[in-house]
Amino acid sequence: MGIADLRPAPVATIRYGWARIGGNFMDWNLLWLSFVAVFLSELGDKSQLAAIALSGSSRAPWAVFLGTAAALLLATFVGVLLGHGTAQLLPSARLVKSLAALGFALMAVRLLWPSRDLPDA
């Protein structure tokens, strides 16, 4: 047994944008894309405005930070689980994209369609 046998195995090996961590592959490009997409979409969101209001009226901004970070982490975790479960049930990615496009188109038409319930401005 030599010195080389006593060294621990590397925890992560990075190869072509992928890293093998604990038997699972991590797509670093997807990680970065997810971070940027969520970060930009959350700027000025209701949760950020709530965090601003809570931290402005409290003496413990770290408690507000930890509470809002934990809430966002849990909400995102539930979303990822639901998305993964839905992807397992649906037959193809093309169907998922088509349903998402149809849903957004219906929301756009509904937003543009004048409502009879609202008084004229």
PDB file of N, CA and C in Angstrom:
ATOM      1  N   MET A   1       0.860  -1.160   0.000  1.00  0.00           N
ATOM      2  CA  MET A   1       0.000   0.000   0.000  1.00  0.00           C
ATOM      3  C   MET A   1       0.911   1.230   0.000  1.00  0.00           C
ATOM      4  N   GLY A   2       0.665   2.109  -0.973  1.00  0.00           N
ATOM      5  CA  GLY A   2       1.481   3.307  -1.085  1.00  0.00           C
ATOM      6  C   GLY A   2       0.710   4.542  -0.675  1.00  0.00           C
ATOM      7  N   ILE A   3       1.357   5.691  -0.788  1.00  0.00           N
ATOM      8  CA  ILE A   3       0.740   6.979  -0.461  1.00  0.00           C
ATOM      9  C   ILE A   3      -0.478   7.231  -1.344  1.00  0.00           C
ATOM     10  N   ALA A   4      -0.400   6.848  -2.605  1.00  0.00           N
ATOM     11  CA  ALA A   4      -1.508   7.080  -3.532  1.00  0.00           C
ATOM     12  C   ALA A   4      -2.774   6.354  -3.087  1.00  0.00           C
ATOM     13  N   ASP A   5      -2.637   5.245  -2.403  1.00  0.00           N
ATOM     14  CA  ASP A   5      -3.814   4.495  -1.957  1.00  0.00           C
ATOM     15  C   ASP A   5      -4.513   5.157  -0.772  1.00  0.00           C
ATOM     16  N   LEU A   6      -3.842   6.037  -0.054  1.00  0.00           N
ATOM     17  CA  LEU A   6      -4.413   6.678   1.124  1.00  0.00           C
ATOM     18  C   LEU A   6      -5.174   7.954   0.793  1.00  0.00           C
ATOM     19  N   ARG A   7      -4.979   8.505  -0.402  1.00  0.00           N
ATOM     20  CA  ARG A   7      -5.676   9.740  -0.767  1.00  0.00           C
ATOM     21  C   ARG A   7      -7.152   9.456  -0.996  1.00  0.00           C
ATOM     22  N   PRO A   8      -8.024  10.368  -0.524  1.00  0.00           N
ATOM     23  CA  PRO A   8      -9.459  10.160  -0.757  1.00  0.00           C
ATOM     24  C   PRO A   8      -9.791  10.365  -2.234  1.00  0.00           C
ATOM     25  N   ALA A   9     -10.851   9.713  -2.669  1.00  0.00           N
ATOM     26  CA  ALA A   9     -11.313   9.881  -4.046  1.00  0.00           C
ATOM     27  C   ALA A   9     -11.885  11.283  -4.204  1.00  0.00           C
ATOM     28  N   PRO A  10     -11.772  11.889  -5.382  1.00  0.00           N
ATOM     29  CA  PRO A  10     -12.343  13.224  -5.583  1.00  0.00           C
ATOM     30  C   PRO A  10     -13.858  13.189  -5.431  1.00  0.00           C
ATOM     31  N   VAL A  11     -14.391  14.231  -4.817  1.00  0.00           N
ATOM     32  CA  VAL A  11     -15.829  14.305  -4.575  1.00  0.00           C
ATOM     33  C   VAL A  11     -16.571  14.591  -5.874  1.00  0.00           C
ATOM     34  N   ALA A  12     -16.042  15.475  -6.696  1.00  0.00           N
ATOM     35  CA  ALA A  12     -16.717  15.834  -7.943  1.00  0.00           C
ATOM     36  C   ALA A  12     -15.709  15.866  -9.076  1.00  0.00           C
ATOM     37  N   THR A  13     -16.091  15.329 -10.187  1.00  0.00           N
ATOM     38  CA  THR A  13     -15.266  15.434 -11.379  1.00  0.00           C
ATOM     39  C   THR A  13     -16.055  16.204 -12.418  1.00  0.00           C
ATOM     40  N   ILE A  14     -15.439  17.205 -13.010  1.00  0.00           N
ATOM     41  CA  ILE A  14     -16.123  18.044 -13.983  1.00  0.00           C
ATOM     42  C   ILE A  14     -15.652  17.657 -15.372  1.00  0.00           C
ATOM     43  N   ARG A  15     -16.630  17.388 -16.242  1.00  0.00           N
ATOM     44  CA  ARG A  15     -16.315  16.984 -17.592  1.00  0.00           C
ATOM     45  C   ARG A  15     -17.363  17.548 -18.547  1.00  0.00           C
ATOM     46  N   TYR A  16     -16.981  18.419 -19.450  1.00  0.00           N
ATOM     47  CA  TYR A  16     -17.849  18.959 -20.493  1.00  0.00           C
ATOM     48  C   TYR A  16     -19.128  19.579 -19.939  1.00  0.00           C
ATOM     49  N   GLY A  17     -19.021  20.390 -18.909  1.00  0.00           N
ATOM     50  CA  GLY A  17     -20.186  21.048 -18.346  1.00  0.00           C
ATOM     51  C   GLY A  17     -21.012  20.188 -17.403  1.00  0.00           C
ATOM     52  N   TRP A  18     -20.605  18.971 -17.175  1.00  0.00           N
ATOM     53  CA  TRP A  18     -21.313  18.067 -16.272  1.00  0.00           C
ATOM     54  C   TRP A  18     -20.403  17.746 -15.101  1.00  0.00           C
ATOM     55  N   ALA A  19     -20.998  17.484 -13.969  1.00  0.00           N
ATOM     56  CA  ALA A  19     -20.215  17.044 -12.812  1.00  0.00           C
ATOM     57  C   ALA A  19     -20.902  15.837 -12.210  1.00  0.00           C
ATOM     58  N   ARG A  20     -20.124  14.867 -11.857  1.00  0.00           N
ATOM     59  CA  ARG A  20     -20.676  13.676 -11.215  1.00  0.00           C
ATOM     60  C   ARG A  20     -20.532  13.865  -9.714  1.00  0.00           C
ATOM     61  N   ILE A  21     -21.680  13.954  -9.034  1.00  0.00           N
ATOM     62  CA  ILE A  21     -21.689  14.175  -7.590  1.00  0.00           C
ATOM     63  C   ILE A  21     -22.544  13.088  -6.962  1.00  0.00           C
ATOM     64  N   GLY A  22     -21.942  12.216  -6.199  1.00  0.00           N
ATOM     65  CA  GLY A  22     -22.685  11.186  -5.488  1.00  0.00           C
ATOM     66  C   GLY A  22     -23.478  10.267  -6.395  1.00  0.00           C
ATOM     67  N   GLY A  23     -22.990   9.986  -7.577  1.00  0.00           N
ATOM     68  CA  GLY A  23     -23.683   9.079  -8.472  1.00  0.00           C
ATOM     69  C   GLY A  23     -24.671   9.763  -9.396  1.00  0.00           C
ATOM     70  N   ASN A  24     -24.989  11.037  -9.170  1.00  0.00           N
ATOM     71  CA  ASN A  24     -25.912  11.765 -10.030  1.00  0.00           C
ATOM     72  C   ASN A  24     -25.143  12.775 -10.863  1.00  0.00           C
ATOM     73  N   PHE A  25     -25.675  13.103 -12.019  1.00  0.00           N
ATOM     74  CA  PHE A  25     -25.034  14.094 -12.863  1.00  0.00           C
ATOM     75  C   PHE A  25     -25.670  15.456 -12.633  1.00  0.00           C
ATOM     76  N   MET A  26     -24.831  16.471 -12.600  1.00  0.00           N
ATOM     77  CA  MET A  26     -25.292  17.844 -12.430  1.00  0.00           C
ATOM     78  C   MET A  26     -25.000  18.587 -13.725  1.00  0.00           C
ATOM     79  N   ASP A  27     -26.012  19.166 -14.328  1.00  0.00           N
ATOM     80  CA  ASP A  27     -25.838  19.971 -15.524  1.00  0.00           C
ATOM     81  C   ASP A  27     -25.623  21.415 -15.074  1.00  0.00           C
ATOM     82  N   TRP A  28     -24.383  21.873 -15.103  1.00  0.00           N
ATOM     83  CA  TRP A  28     -24.045  23.203 -14.607  1.00  0.00           C
ATOM     84  C   TRP A  28     -24.665  24.297 -15.463  1.00  0.00           C
ATOM     85  N   ASN A  29     -24.818  24.064 -16.755  1.00  0.00           N
ATOM     86  CA  ASN A  29     -25.466  25.054 -17.610  1.00  0.00           C
ATOM     87  C   ASN A  29     -26.930  25.227 -17.225  1.00  0.00           C
ATOM     88  N   LEU A  30     -27.610  24.130 -16.939  1.00  0.00           N
ATOM     89  CA  LEU A  30     -29.003  24.199 -16.512  1.00  0.00           C
ATOM     90  C   LEU A  30     -29.112  24.849 -15.135  1.00  0.00           C
ATOM     91  N   LEU A  31     -28.167  24.580 -14.263  1.00  0.00           N
ATOM     92  CA  LEU A  31     -28.145  25.220 -12.948  1.00  0.00           C
ATOM     93  C   LEU A  31     -28.035  26.733 -13.097  1.00  0.00           C
ATOM     94  N   TRP A  32     -27.134  27.188 -13.933  1.00  0.00           N
ATOM     95  CA  TRP A  32     -26.935  28.621 -14.146  1.00  0.00           C
ATOM     96  C   TRP A  32     -28.171  29.241 -14.800  1.00  0.00           C
ATOM     97  N   LEU A  33     -28.745  28.579 -15.806  1.00  0.00           N
ATOM     98  CA  LEU A  33     -29.936  29.076 -16.481  1.00  0.00           C
ATOM     99  C   LEU A  33     -31.107  29.181 -15.510  1.00  0.00           C
ATOM    100  N   SER A  34     -31.282  28.178 -14.656  1.00  0.00           N
ATOM    101  CA  SER A  34     -32.360  28.203 -13.661  1.00  0.00           C
ATOM    102  C   SER A  34     -32.171  29.348 -12.684  1.00  0.00           C
ATOM    103  N   PHE A  35     -30.928  29.545 -12.235  1.00  0.00           N
ATOM    104  CA  PHE A  35     -30.651  30.623 -11.292  1.00  0.00           C
ATOM    105  C   PHE A  35     -30.974  31.975 -11.906  1.00  0.00           C
ATOM    106  N   VAL A  36     -30.497  32.223 -13.109  1.00  0.00           N
ATOM    107  CA  VAL A  36     -30.714  33.520 -13.757  1.00  0.00           C
ATOM    108  C   VAL A  36     -32.201  33.747 -14.027  1.00  0.00           C
ATOM    109  N   ALA A  37     -32.891  32.718 -14.523  1.00  0.00           N
ATOM    110  CA  ALA A  37     -34.317  32.867 -14.832  1.00  0.00           C
ATOM    111  C   ALA A  37     -35.129  33.181 -13.584  1.00  0.00           C
ATOM    112  N   VAL A  38     -34.885  32.457 -12.501  1.00  0.00           N
ATOM    113  CA  VAL A  38     -35.652  32.698 -11.274  1.00  0.00           C
ATOM    114  C   VAL A  38     -35.253  34.024 -10.643  1.00  0.00           C
ATOM    115  N   PHE A  39     -33.966  34.345 -10.648  1.00  0.00           N
ATOM    116  CA  PHE A  39     -33.506  35.604 -10.058  1.00  0.00           C
ATOM    117  C   PHE A  39     -34.146  36.792 -10.766  1.00  0.00           C
ATOM    118  N   LEU A  40     -34.123  36.785 -12.090  1.00  0.00           N
ATOM    119  CA  LEU A  40     -34.691  37.911 -12.834  1.00  0.00           C
ATOM    120  C   LEU A  40     -36.207  37.966 -12.708  1.00  0.00           C
ATOM    121  N   SER A  41     -36.864  36.817 -12.647  1.00  0.00           N
ATOM    122  CA  SER A  41     -38.325  36.833 -12.528  1.00  0.00           C
ATOM    123  C   SER A  41     -38.789  37.227 -11.132  1.00  0.00           C
ATOM    124  N   GLU A  42     -37.960  37.038 -10.132  1.00  0.00           N
ATOM    125  CA  GLU A  42     -38.341  37.373  -8.762  1.00  0.00           C
ATOM    126  C   GLU A  42     -38.072  38.832  -8.400  1.00  0.00           C
ATOM    127  N   LEU A  43     -37.293  39.542  -9.207  1.00  0.00           N
ATOM    128  CA  LEU A  43     -37.031  40.955  -8.914  1.00  0.00           C
ATOM    129  C   LEU A  43     -38.337  41.742  -8.993  1.00  0.00           C
ATOM    130  N   GLY A  44     -38.671  42.441  -7.924  1.00  0.00           N
ATOM    131  CA  GLY A  44     -39.898  43.221  -7.892  1.00  0.00           C
ATOM    132  C   GLY A  44     -41.152  42.389  -7.718  1.00  0.00           C
ATOM    133  N   ASP A  45     -41.005  41.129  -7.392  1.00  0.00           N
ATOM    134  CA  ASP A  45     -42.144  40.247  -7.201  1.00  0.00           C
ATOM    135  C   ASP A  45     -42.785  40.522  -5.839  1.00  0.00           C
ATOM    136  N   LYS A  46     -43.978  39.943  -5.617  1.00  0.00           N
ATOM    137  CA  LYS A  46     -44.682  40.133  -4.350  1.00  0.00           C
ATOM    138  C   LYS A  46     -43.852  39.676  -3.165  1.00  0.00           C
ATOM    139  N   SER A  47     -43.131  38.572  -3.334  1.00  0.00           N
ATOM    140  CA  SER A  47     -42.336  38.067  -2.220  1.00  0.00           C
ATOM    141  C   SER A  47     -41.203  39.032  -1.866  1.00  0.00           C
ATOM    142  N   GLN A  48     -40.605  39.662  -2.863  1.00  0.00           N
ATOM    143  CA  GLN A  48     -39.548  40.633  -2.568  1.00  0.00           C
ATOM    144  C   GLN A  48     -40.135  41.875  -1.903  1.00  0.00           C
ATOM    145  N   LEU A  49     -41.297  42.315  -2.362  1.00  0.00           N
ATOM    146  CA  LEU A  49     -41.937  43.472  -1.722  1.00  0.00           C
ATOM    147  C   LEU A  49     -42.332  43.151  -0.280  1.00  0.00           C
ATOM    148  N   ALA A  50     -42.779  41.920  -0.037  1.00  0.00           N
ATOM    149  CA  ALA A  50     -43.105  41.517   1.331  1.00  0.00           C
ATOM    150  C   ALA A  50     -41.852  41.496   2.193  1.00  0.00           C
ATOM    151  N   ALA A  51     -40.744  41.016   1.641  1.00  0.00           N
ATOM    152  CA  ALA A  51     -39.486  41.002   2.392  1.00  0.00           C
ATOM    153  C   ALA A  51     -39.024  42.416   2.706  1.00  0.00           C
ATOM    154  N   ILE A  52     -39.183  43.331   1.759  1.00  0.00           N
ATOM    155  CA  ILE A  52     -38.810  44.733   2.000  1.00  0.00           C
ATOM    156  C   ILE A  52     -39.662  45.321   3.112  1.00  0.00           C
ATOM    157  N   ALA A  53     -40.967  45.064   3.066  1.00  0.00           N
ATOM    158  CA  ALA A  53     -41.862  45.595   4.094  1.00  0.00           C
ATOM    159  C   ALA A  53     -41.548  44.996   5.464  1.00  0.00           C
ATOM    160  N   LEU A  54     -41.301  43.683   5.517  1.00  0.00           N
ATOM    161  CA  LEU A  54     -41.003  43.042   6.801  1.00  0.00           C
ATOM    162  C   LEU A  54     -39.668  43.513   7.379  1.00  0.00           C
ATOM    163  N   SER A  55     -38.651  43.604   6.541  1.00  0.00           N
ATOM    164  CA  SER A  55     -37.341  44.003   7.069  1.00  0.00           C
ATOM    165  C   SER A  55     -37.316  45.482   7.440  1.00  0.00           C
ATOM    166  N   GLY A  56     -38.133  46.279   6.786  1.00  0.00           N
ATOM    167  CA  GLY A  56     -38.184  47.697   7.138  1.00  0.00           C
ATOM    168  C   GLY A  56     -38.858  47.953   8.463  1.00  0.00           C
ATOM    169  N   SER A  57     -39.732  47.044   8.875  1.00  0.00           N
ATOM    170  CA  SER A  57     -40.462  47.250  10.125  1.00  0.00           C
ATOM    171  C   SER A  57     -39.964  46.357  11.258  1.00  0.00           C
ATOM    172  N   SER A  58     -38.823  45.693  11.057  1.00  0.00           N
ATOM    173  CA  SER A  58     -38.325  44.809  12.116  1.00  0.00           C
ATOM    174  C   SER A  58     -36.910  45.209  12.511  1.00  0.00           C
ATOM    175  N   ARG A  59     -36.493  44.674  13.636  1.00  0.00           N
ATOM    176  CA  ARG A  59     -35.126  44.909  14.106  1.00  0.00           C
ATOM    177  C   ARG A  59     -34.225  43.712  13.845  1.00  0.00           C
ATOM    178  N   ALA A  60     -34.762  42.719  13.162  1.00  0.00           N
ATOM    179  CA  ALA A  60     -34.002  41.505  12.891  1.00  0.00           C
ATOM    180  C   ALA A  60     -34.047  41.182  11.397  1.00  0.00           C
ATOM    181  N   PRO A  61     -33.272  41.900  10.582  1.00  0.00           N
ATOM    182  CA  PRO A  61     -33.319  41.645   9.134  1.00  0.00           C
ATOM    183  C   PRO A  61     -32.825  40.249   8.755  1.00  0.00           C
ATOM    184  N   TRP A  62     -31.929  39.675   9.560  1.00  0.00           N
ATOM    185  CA  TRP A  62     -31.456  38.317   9.252  1.00  0.00           C
ATOM    186  C   TRP A  62     -32.566  37.296   9.410  1.00  0.00           C
ATOM    187  N   ALA A  63     -33.460  37.511  10.380  1.00  0.00           N
ATOM    188  CA  ALA A  63     -34.595  36.599  10.546  1.00  0.00           C
ATOM    189  C   ALA A  63     -35.527  36.692   9.336  1.00  0.00           C
ATOM    190  N   VAL A  64     -35.723  37.912   8.836  1.00  0.00           N
ATOM    191  CA  VAL A  64     -36.548  38.092   7.644  1.00  0.00           C
ATOM    192  C   VAL A  64     -35.885  37.419   6.447  1.00  0.00           C
ATOM    193  N   PHE A  65     -34.570  37.609   6.300  1.00  0.00           N
ATOM    194  CA  PHE A  65     -33.848  36.989   5.194  1.00  0.00           C
ATOM    195  C   PHE A  65     -33.949  35.471   5.246  1.00  0.00           C
ATOM    196  N   LEU A  66     -33.682  34.883   6.411  1.00  0.00           N
ATOM    197  CA  LEU A  66     -33.729  33.428   6.533  1.00  0.00           C
ATOM    198  C   LEU A  66     -35.139  32.889   6.326  1.00  0.00           C
ATOM    199  N   GLY A  67     -36.128  33.594   6.846  1.00  0.00           N
ATOM    200  CA  GLY A  67     -37.516  33.154   6.662  1.00  0.00           C
ATOM    201  C   GLY A  67     -37.962  33.214   5.215  1.00  0.00           C
ATOM    202  N   THR A  68     -37.659  34.311   4.533  1.00  0.00           N
ATOM    203  CA  THR A  68     -38.072  34.422   3.133  1.00  0.00           C
ATOM    204  C   THR A  68     -37.262  33.476   2.244  1.00  0.00           C
ATOM    205  N   ALA A  69     -35.990  33.278   2.546  1.00  0.00           N
ATOM    206  CA  ALA A  69     -35.177  32.347   1.758  1.00  0.00           C
ATOM    207  C   ALA A  69     -35.688  30.914   1.928  1.00  0.00           C
ATOM    208  N   ALA A  70     -36.039  30.545   3.148  1.00  0.00           N
ATOM    209  CA  ALA A  70     -36.570  29.204   3.393  1.00  0.00           C
ATOM    210  C   ALA A  70     -37.914  29.008   2.689  1.00  0.00           C
ATOM    211  N   ALA A  71     -38.751  30.032   2.713  1.00  0.00           N
ATOM    212  CA  ALA A  71     -40.053  29.939   2.048  1.00  0.00           C
ATOM    213  C   ALA A  71     -39.886  29.798   0.536  1.00  0.00           C
ATOM    214  N   LEU A  72     -38.988  30.576  -0.048  1.00  0.00           N
ATOM    215  CA  LEU A  72     -38.748  30.481  -1.491  1.00  0.00           C
ATOM    216  C   LEU A  72     -38.143  29.132  -1.845  1.00  0.00           C
ATOM    217  N   LEU A  73     -37.244  28.640  -1.017  1.00  0.00           N
ATOM    218  CA  LEU A  73     -36.635  27.331  -1.250  1.00  0.00           C
ATOM    219  C   LEU A  73     -37.691  26.224  -1.211  1.00  0.00           C
ATOM    220  N   LEU A  74     -38.578  26.272  -0.238  1.00  0.00           N
ATOM    221  CA  LEU A  74     -39.625  25.258  -0.132  1.00  0.00           C
ATOM    222  C   LEU A  74     -40.603  25.348  -1.303  1.00  0.00           C
ATOM    223  N   ALA A  75     -41.017  26.557  -1.678  1.00  0.00           N
ATOM    224  CA  ALA A  75     -41.941  26.721  -2.803  1.00  0.00           C
ATOM    225  C   ALA A  75     -41.310  26.227  -4.101  1.00  0.00           C
ATOM    226  N   THR A  76     -40.026  26.502  -4.284  1.00  0.00           N
ATOM    227  CA  THR A  76     -39.328  26.046  -5.480  1.00  0.00           C
ATOM    228  C   THR A  76     -39.199  24.531  -5.479  1.00  0.00           C
ATOM    229  N   PHE A  77     -38.916  23.943  -4.330  1.00  0.00           N
ATOM    230  CA  PHE A  77     -38.799  22.486  -4.209  1.00  0.00           C
ATOM    231  C   PHE A  77     -40.112  21.807  -4.583  1.00  0.00           C
ATOM    232  N   VAL A  78     -41.224  22.348  -4.094  1.00  0.00           N
ATOM    233  CA  VAL A  78     -42.538  21.784  -4.427  1.00  0.00           C
ATOM    234  C   VAL A  78     -42.786  21.913  -5.931  1.00  0.00           C
ATOM    235  N   GLY A  79     -42.421  23.063  -6.514  1.00  0.00           N
ATOM    236  CA  GLY A  79     -42.589  23.250  -7.953  1.00  0.00           C
ATOM    237  C   GLY A  79     -41.771  22.273  -8.768  1.00  0.00           C
ATOM    238  N   VAL A  80     -40.533  22.035  -8.346  1.00  0.00           N
ATOM    239  CA  VAL A  80     -39.678  21.083  -9.061  1.00  0.00           C
ATOM    240  C   VAL A  80     -40.239  19.670  -8.948  1.00  0.00           C
ATOM    241  N   LEU A  81     -40.706  19.292  -7.774  1.00  0.00           N
ATOM    242  CA  LEU A  81     -41.300  17.963  -7.612  1.00  0.00           C
ATOM    243  C   LEU A  81     -42.542  17.794  -8.485  1.00  0.00           C
ATOM    244  N   LEU A  82     -43.401  18.809  -8.499  1.00  0.00           N
ATOM    245  CA  LEU A  82     -44.603  18.732  -9.332  1.00  0.00           C
ATOM    246  C   LEU A  82     -44.237  18.700 -10.813  1.00  0.00           C
ATOM    247  N   GLY A  83     -43.262  19.496 -11.209  1.00  0.00           N
ATOM    248  CA  GLY A  83     -42.835  19.501 -12.600  1.00  0.00           C
ATOM    249  C   GLY A  83     -42.243  18.170 -13.016  1.00  0.00           C
ATOM    250  N   HIS A  84     -41.431  17.583 -12.151  1.00  0.00           N
ATOM    251  CA  HIS A  84     -40.825  16.287 -12.459  1.00  0.00           C
ATOM    252  C   HIS A  84     -41.893  15.195 -12.523  1.00  0.00           C
ATOM    253  N   GLY A  85     -42.827  15.236 -11.594  1.00  0.00           N
ATOM    254  CA  GLY A  85     -43.902  14.244 -11.604  1.00  0.00           C
ATOM    255  C   GLY A  85     -44.791  14.381 -12.833  1.00  0.00           C
ATOM    256  N   THR A  86     -45.086  15.606 -13.215  1.00  0.00           N
ATOM    257  CA  THR A  86     -45.894  15.837 -14.413  1.00  0.00           C
ATOM    258  C   THR A  86     -45.159  15.359 -15.655  1.00  0.00           C
ATOM    259  N   ALA A  87     -43.856  15.594 -15.712  1.00  0.00           N
ATOM    260  CA  ALA A  87     -43.069  15.162 -16.867  1.00  0.00           C
ATOM    261  C   ALA A  87     -43.056  13.641 -16.985  1.00  0.00           C
ATOM    262  N   GLN A  88     -43.140  12.939 -15.863  1.00  0.00           N
ATOM    263  CA  GLN A  88     -43.166  11.480 -15.903  1.00  0.00           C
ATOM    264  C   GLN A  88     -44.504  10.952 -16.430  1.00  0.00           C
ATOM    265  N   LEU A  89     -45.585  11.718 -16.215  1.00  0.00           N
ATOM    266  CA  LEU A  89     -46.914  11.283 -16.636  1.00  0.00           C
ATOM    267  C   LEU A  89     -47.200  11.597 -18.103  1.00  0.00           C
ATOM    268  N   LEU A  90     -46.665  12.705 -18.605  1.00  0.00           N
ATOM    269  CA  LEU A  90     -46.946  13.116 -19.972  1.00  0.00           C
ATOM    270  C   LEU A  90     -46.002  12.419 -20.940  1.00  0.00           C
ATOM    271  N   PRO A  91     -46.496  12.097 -22.126  1.00  0.00           N
ATOM    272  CA  PRO A  91     -45.696  11.278 -23.040  1.00  0.00           C
ATOM    273  C   PRO A  91     -44.495  11.964 -23.678  1.00  0.00           C
ATOM    274  N   SER A  92     -44.549  13.264 -23.944  1.00  0.00           N
ATOM    275  CA  SER A  92     -43.424  13.883 -24.646  1.00  0.00           C
ATOM    276  C   SER A  92     -43.238  15.334 -24.232  1.00  0.00           C
ATOM    277  N   ALA A  93     -42.027  15.828 -24.440  1.00  0.00           N
ATOM    278  CA  ALA A  93     -41.734  17.223 -24.138  1.00  0.00           C
ATOM    279  C   ALA A  93     -42.483  18.148 -25.094  1.00  0.00           C
ATOM    280  N   ARG A  94     -42.691  17.688 -26.310  1.00  0.00           N
ATOM    281  CA  ARG A  94     -43.418  18.514 -27.284  1.00  0.00           C
ATOM    282  C   ARG A  94     -44.852  18.761 -26.816  1.00  0.00           C
ATOM    283  N   LEU A  95     -45.487  17.760 -26.229  1.00  0.00           N
ATOM    284  CA  LEU A  95     -46.842  17.925 -25.710  1.00  0.00           C
ATOM    285  C   LEU A  95     -46.853  18.934 -24.566  1.00  0.00           C
ATOM    286  N   VAL A  96     -45.876  18.860 -23.683  1.00  0.00           N
ATOM    287  CA  VAL A  96     -45.800  19.797 -22.562  1.00  0.00           C
ATOM    288  C   VAL A  96     -45.632  21.225 -23.082  1.00  0.00           C
ATOM    289  N   LYS A  97     -44.744  21.415 -24.056  1.00  0.00           N
ATOM    290  CA  LYS A  97     -44.530  22.747 -24.626  1.00  0.00           C
ATOM    291  C   LYS A  97     -45.786  23.245 -25.335  1.00  0.00           C
ATOM    292  N   SER A  98     -46.480  22.357 -26.014  1.00  0.00           N
ATOM    293  CA  SER A  98     -47.707  22.744 -26.705  1.00  0.00           C
ATOM    294  C   SER A  98     -48.796  23.150 -25.710  1.00  0.00           C
ATOM    295  N   LEU A  99     -48.930  22.387 -24.627  1.00  0.00           N
ATOM    296  CA  LEU A  99     -49.921  22.733 -23.602  1.00  0.00           C
ATOM    297  C   LEU A  99     -49.576  24.047 -22.915  1.00  0.00           C
ATOM    298  N   ALA A 100     -48.290  24.277 -22.657  1.00  0.00           N
ATOM    299  CA  ALA A 100     -47.878  25.541 -22.055  1.00  0.00           C
ATOM    300  C   ALA A 100     -48.158  26.705 -22.994  1.00  0.00           C
ATOM    301  N   ALA A 101     -47.856  26.537 -24.283  1.00  0.00           N
ATOM    302  CA  ALA A 101     -48.122  27.598 -25.260  1.00  0.00           C
ATOM    303  C   ALA A 101     -49.616  27.881 -25.359  1.00  0.00           C
ATOM    304  N   LEU A 102     -50.431  26.835 -25.366  1.00  0.00           N
ATOM    305  CA  LEU A 102     -51.876  27.006 -25.416  1.00  0.00           C
ATOM    306  C   LEU A 102     -52.386  27.732 -24.163  1.00  0.00           C
ATOM    307  N   GLY A 103     -51.859  27.356 -23.006  1.00  0.00           N
ATOM    308  CA  GLY A 103     -52.260  28.021 -21.768  1.00  0.00           C
ATOM    309  C   GLY A 103     -51.908  29.496 -21.767  1.00  0.00           C
ATOM    310  N   PHE A 104     -50.696  29.842 -22.201  1.00  0.00           N
ATOM    311  CA  PHE A 104     -50.307  31.245 -22.255  1.00  0.00           C
ATOM    312  C   PHE A 104     -51.134  32.005 -23.287  1.00  0.00           C
ATOM    313  N   ALA A 105     -51.453  31.368 -24.408  1.00  0.00           N
ATOM    314  CA  ALA A 105     -52.273  32.023 -25.421  1.00  0.00           C
ATOM    315  C   ALA A 105     -53.675  32.300 -24.875  1.00  0.00           C
ATOM    316  N   LEU A 106     -54.239  31.344 -24.144  1.00  0.00           N
ATOM    317  CA  LEU A 106     -55.565  31.551 -23.551  1.00  0.00           C
ATOM    318  C   LEU A 106     -55.550  32.667 -22.520  1.00  0.00           C
ATOM    319  N   MET A 107     -54.479  32.733 -21.713  1.00  0.00           N
ATOM    320  CA  MET A 107     -54.371  33.829 -20.738  1.00  0.00           C
ATOM    321  C   MET A 107     -54.251  35.174 -21.443  1.00  0.00           C
ATOM    322  N   ALA A 108     -53.499  35.221 -22.549  1.00  0.00           N
ATOM    323  CA  ALA A 108     -53.334  36.473 -23.290  1.00  0.00           C
ATOM    324  C   ALA A 108     -54.661  36.931 -23.886  1.00  0.00           C
ATOM    325  N   VAL A 109     -55.412  35.992 -24.463  1.00  0.00           N
ATOM    326  CA  VAL A 109     -56.711  36.347 -25.037  1.00  0.00           C
ATOM    327  C   VAL A 109     -57.648  36.827 -23.941  1.00  0.00           C
ATOM    328  N   ARG A 110     -57.626  36.161 -22.809  1.00  0.00           N
ATOM    329  CA  ARG A 110     -58.502  36.565 -21.683  1.00  0.00           C
ATOM    330  C   ARG A 110     -58.135  37.956 -21.168  1.00  0.00           C
ATOM    331  N   LEU A 111     -56.846  38.266 -21.115  1.00  0.00           N
ATOM    332  CA  LEU A 111     -56.431  39.592 -20.657  1.00  0.00           C
ATOM    333  C   LEU A 111     -56.784  40.681 -21.665  1.00  0.00           C
ATOM    334  N   LEU A 112     -56.751  40.349 -22.941  1.00  0.00           N
ATOM    335  CA  LEU A 112     -57.056  41.342 -23.972  1.00  0.00           C
ATOM    336  C   LEU A 112     -58.548  41.491 -24.238  1.00  0.00           C
ATOM    337  N   TRP A 113     -59.330  40.467 -23.898  1.00  0.00           N
ATOM    338  CA  TRP A 113     -60.762  40.501 -24.123  1.00  0.00           C
ATOM    339  C   TRP A 113     -61.416  41.442 -23.116  1.00  0.00           C
ATOM    340  N   PRO A 114     -62.235  42.377 -23.584  1.00  0.00           N
ATOM    341  CA  PRO A 114     -62.871  43.310 -22.621  1.00  0.00           C
ATOM    342  C   PRO A 114     -63.882  42.577 -21.731  1.00  0.00           C
ATOM    343  N   SER A 115     -63.831  42.914 -20.465  1.00  0.00           N
ATOM    344  CA  SER A 115     -64.736  42.287 -19.506  1.00  0.00           C
ATOM    345  C   SER A 115     -65.975  43.135 -19.345  1.00  0.00           C
ATOM    346  N   ARG A 116     -67.138  42.500 -19.294  1.00  0.00           N
ATOM    347  CA  ARG A 116     -68.404  43.241 -19.131  1.00  0.00           C
ATOM    348  C   ARG A 116     -68.632  43.626 -17.689  1.00  0.00           C
ATOM    349  N   ASP A 117     -67.893  42.993 -16.773  1.00  0.00           N
ATOM    350  CA  ASP A 117     -68.104  43.258 -15.349  1.00  0.00           C
ATOM    351  C   ASP A 117     -67.449  44.559 -14.905  1.00  0.00           C
ATOM    352  N   LEU A 118     -66.454  45.031 -15.636  1.00  0.00           N
ATOM    353  CA  LEU A 118     -65.715  46.220 -15.234  1.00  0.00           C
ATOM    354  C   LEU A 118     -66.396  47.473 -15.791  1.00  0.00           C
ATOM    355  N   PRO A 119     -66.512  48.519 -14.977  1.00  0.00           N
ATOM    356  CA  PRO A 119     -67.092  49.762 -15.482  1.00  0.00           C
ATOM    357  C   PRO A 119     -66.127  50.446 -16.460  1.00  0.00           C
ATOM    358  N   ASP A 120     -66.685  51.195 -17.396  1.00  0.00           N
ATOM    359  CA  ASP A 120     -65.835  51.925 -18.339  1.00  0.00           C
ATOM    360  C   ASP A 120     -65.069  53.021 -17.621  1.00  0.00           C
ATOM    361  N   ALA A 121     -63.821  53.173 -17.988  1.00  0.00           N
ATOM    362  CA  ALA A 121     -62.974  54.180 -17.333  1.00  0.00           C
ATOM    363  C   ALA A 121     -63.124  55.530 -17.992  1.00  0.00           C
TER     364      ALA A 121
END
